[in-house]
C-alpha atoms as a PDB file:
ATOM      1  CA  MET A   1      -9.633  17.818  13.827  1.00  0.00           C
ATOM      2  CA  GLU A   2     -10.351  14.145  14.369  1.00  0.00           C
ATOM      3  CA  ARG A   3      -8.751  11.375  12.343  1.00  0.00           C
ATOM      4  CA  ARG A   4     -10.786   9.099   9.709  1.00  0.00           C
ATOM      5  CA  LYS A   5     -10.666   5.807  10.802  1.00  0.00           C
ATOM      6  CA  PRO A   6     -10.382   3.345   8.129  1.00  0.00           C
ATOM      7  CA  PHE A   7     -12.911   1.359   6.942  1.00  0.00           C
ATOM      8  CA  MET A   8     -12.521  -2.290   8.531  1.00  0.00           C
ATOM      9  CA  GLN A   9     -14.673  -4.843   7.107  1.00  0.00           C
ATOM     10  CA  ASN A  10     -13.060  -7.378   6.052  1.00  0.00           C
ATOM     11  CA  VAL A  11      -9.868  -6.818   7.798  1.00  0.00           C
ATOM     12  CA  LYS A  12      -8.338  -9.491   9.966  1.00  0.00           C
ATOM     13  CA  LEU A  13      -8.071  -8.083  14.102  1.00  0.00           C
ATOM     14  CA  GLY A  14      -5.272  -7.005  14.658  1.00  0.00           C
ATOM     15  CA  GLY A  15      -4.462  -5.261  11.587  1.00  0.00           C
ATOM     16  CA  PRO A  16      -3.753  -1.188  10.798  1.00  0.00           C
ATOM     17  CA  THR A  17      -6.374   0.906  12.440  1.00  0.00           C
ATOM     18  CA  THR A  18      -5.579   3.820  10.762  1.00  0.00           C
ATOM     19  CA  ILE A  19      -4.613   5.197   7.598  1.00  0.00           C
ATOM     20  CA  PHE A  20      -1.036   5.939   8.163  1.00  0.00           C
ATOM     21  CA  GLU A  21      -0.412   2.548   9.604  1.00  0.00           C
ATOM     22  CA  ILE A  22      -1.559   1.496   6.068  1.00  0.00           C
ATOM     23  CA  LYS A  23       0.782   3.575   4.739  1.00  0.00           C
ATOM     24  CA  VAL A  24       3.762   2.398   7.018  1.00  0.00           C
ATOM     25  CA  MET A  25       2.929  -1.346   6.179  1.00  0.00           C
ATOM     26  CA  LEU A  26       2.893  -0.526   2.610  1.00  0.00           C
ATOM     27  CA  CYS A  27       6.507   1.204   2.847  1.00  0.00           C
ATOM     28  CA  TYR A  28       7.852  -1.693   4.952  1.00  0.00           C
ATOM     29  CA  LEU A  29       6.665  -4.346   2.947  1.00  0.00           C
ATOM     30  CA  LEU A  30       8.166  -2.457  -0.341  1.00  0.00           C
ATOM     31  CA  ASP A  31      11.437  -1.350   1.122  1.00  0.00           C
ATOM     32  CA  SER A  32      11.793  -4.800   2.594  1.00  0.00           C
ATOM     33  CA  LEU A  33      11.104  -6.245  -1.003  1.00  0.00           C
ATOM     34  CA  LYS A  34      14.170  -4.482  -2.654  1.00  0.00           C
ATOM     35  CA  LYS A  35      12.972  -4.707  -5.759  1.00  0.00           C
ATOM     36  CA  PRO A  36       9.616  -3.557  -7.459  1.00  0.00           C
ATOM     37  CA  ILE A  37       6.487  -6.227  -7.324  1.00  0.00           C
ATOM     38  CA  SER A  38       3.343  -5.369  -9.682  1.00  0.00           C
ATOM     39  CA  ALA A  39       0.280  -3.697  -8.697  1.00  0.00           C
ATOM     40  CA  GLU A  40      -1.750  -7.186  -9.112  1.00  0.00           C
ATOM     41  CA  ASP A  41       0.645  -8.879  -6.257  1.00  0.00           C
ATOM     42  CA  LEU A  42       0.914  -6.431  -3.794  1.00  0.00           C
ATOM     43  CA  LEU A  43      -2.881  -5.643  -4.057  1.00  0.00           C
ATOM     44  CA  ASN A  44      -3.552 -10.158  -3.966  1.00  0.00           C
ATOM     45  CA  VAL A  45      -1.020  -9.967  -0.718  1.00  0.00           C
ATOM     46  CA  MET A  46      -2.383  -6.990   1.134  1.00  0.00           C
ATOM     47  CA  MET A  47      -6.294  -8.141   0.143  1.00  0.00           C
ATOM     48  CA  SER A  48      -5.357 -12.315   0.648  1.00  0.00           C
ATOM     49  CA  GLU A  49      -4.416 -11.741   4.491  1.00  0.00           C
ATOM     50  CA  GLU A  50      -6.878  -9.643   5.047  1.00  0.00           C
ATOM     51  CA  LEU A  51      -4.570  -6.824   6.217  1.00  0.00           C
ATOM     52  CA  VAL A  52      -6.924  -3.695   4.721  1.00  0.00           C
ATOM     53  CA  ASN A  53      -9.813  -2.933   3.343  1.00  0.00           C
ATOM     54  CA  TYR A  54      -9.636  -2.328  -0.745  1.00  0.00           C
ATOM     55  CA  PHE A  55     -10.610   1.102  -0.712  1.00  0.00           C
ATOM     56  CA  GLU A  56      -8.720   2.009   2.546  1.00  0.00           C
ATOM     57  CA  TYR A  57      -5.675   0.743   0.373  1.00  0.00           C
ATOM     58  CA  GLU A  58      -6.591   2.662  -2.654  1.00  0.00           C
ATOM     59  CA  SER A  59      -6.690   5.691  -0.690  1.00  0.00           C
ATOM     60  CA  ALA A  60      -3.420   4.509   1.413  1.00  0.00           C
ATOM     61  CA  MET A  61      -2.096   3.533  -2.385  1.00  0.00           C
ATOM     62  CA  GLY A  62      -2.886   6.989  -3.014  1.00  0.00           C
ATOM     63  CA  GLU A  63      -1.747   9.262  -0.398  1.00  0.00           C
ATOM     64  CA  LEU A  64       2.039   7.650  -0.510  1.00  0.00           C
ATOM     65  CA  LEU A  65       2.366   8.329  -4.833  1.00  0.00           C
ATOM     66  CA  ASP A  66       1.702  12.029  -4.601  1.00  0.00           C
ATOM     67  CA  GLY A  67       3.639  12.503  -1.830  1.00  0.00           C
ATOM     68  CA  GLY A  68       6.843  10.379  -3.236  1.00  0.00           C
ATOM     69  CA  HIS A  69       6.836   8.182  -0.572  1.00  0.00           C
ATOM     70  CA  ILE A  70       6.408   5.275  -3.744  1.00  0.00           C
ATOM     71  CA  GLU A  71       7.101   4.997  -7.698  1.00  0.00           C
ATOM     72  CA  LYS A  72       4.934   3.480 -10.349  1.00  0.00           C
ATOM     73  CA  PHE A  73       6.306   2.590 -13.444  1.00  0.00           C
ATOM     74  CA  VAL A  74       4.466   0.260 -16.761  1.00  0.00           C
ATOM     75  CA  ASP A  75       7.460  -2.356 -18.475  1.00  0.00           C
ATOM     76  CA  GLU A  76       7.047  -2.749 -21.913  1.00  0.00           C
ATOM     77  CA  SER A  77       3.641  -5.114 -21.513  1.00  0.00           C
ATOM     78  CA  GLY A  78       1.724  -2.841 -19.843  1.00  0.00           C
ATOM     79  CA  GLU A  79       2.053  -4.812 -16.525  1.00  0.00           C
ATOM     80  CA  GLU A  80       1.941  -1.642 -13.330  1.00  0.00           C
ATOM     81  CA  PHE A  81       4.740  -1.897 -11.014  1.00  0.00           C
ATOM     82  CA  TYR A  82       5.336   0.141  -7.199  1.00  0.00           C
ATOM     83  CA  LYS A  83       8.803   0.552  -5.185  1.00  0.00           C
ATOM     84  CA  ILE A  84       9.702   2.396  -2.382  1.00  0.00           C
ATOM     85  CA  SER A  85      11.629   5.505  -3.503  1.00  0.00           C
ATOM     86  CA  GLU A  86      13.873   7.054  -1.003  1.00  0.00           C
ATOM     87  CA  ASN A  87      11.796   9.596   0.397  1.00  0.00           C
ATOM     88  CA  GLY A  88       9.429   5.792   1.245  1.00  0.00           C
ATOM     89  CA  ALA A  89      12.846   4.201   2.798  1.00  0.00           C
END
């Protein structure tokens, strides 16, 4: 079975070229931060640096959440945050 290549429009040359690479990059970033990051800030980092396409970002985040590699929580103001889980570290 052939793996699907990510949608590369609006991604800088040298960016991740597979969903696996995107997921590794996200886990590395979340692990390096050592604290939760807002969903908005994480998306802005990934998109402003043209590291991934929005659709591939959302797909990778969904797979990481489903796999238990990252955790999502909502603070008292209703803002969503992400952090690395023990599984993803």
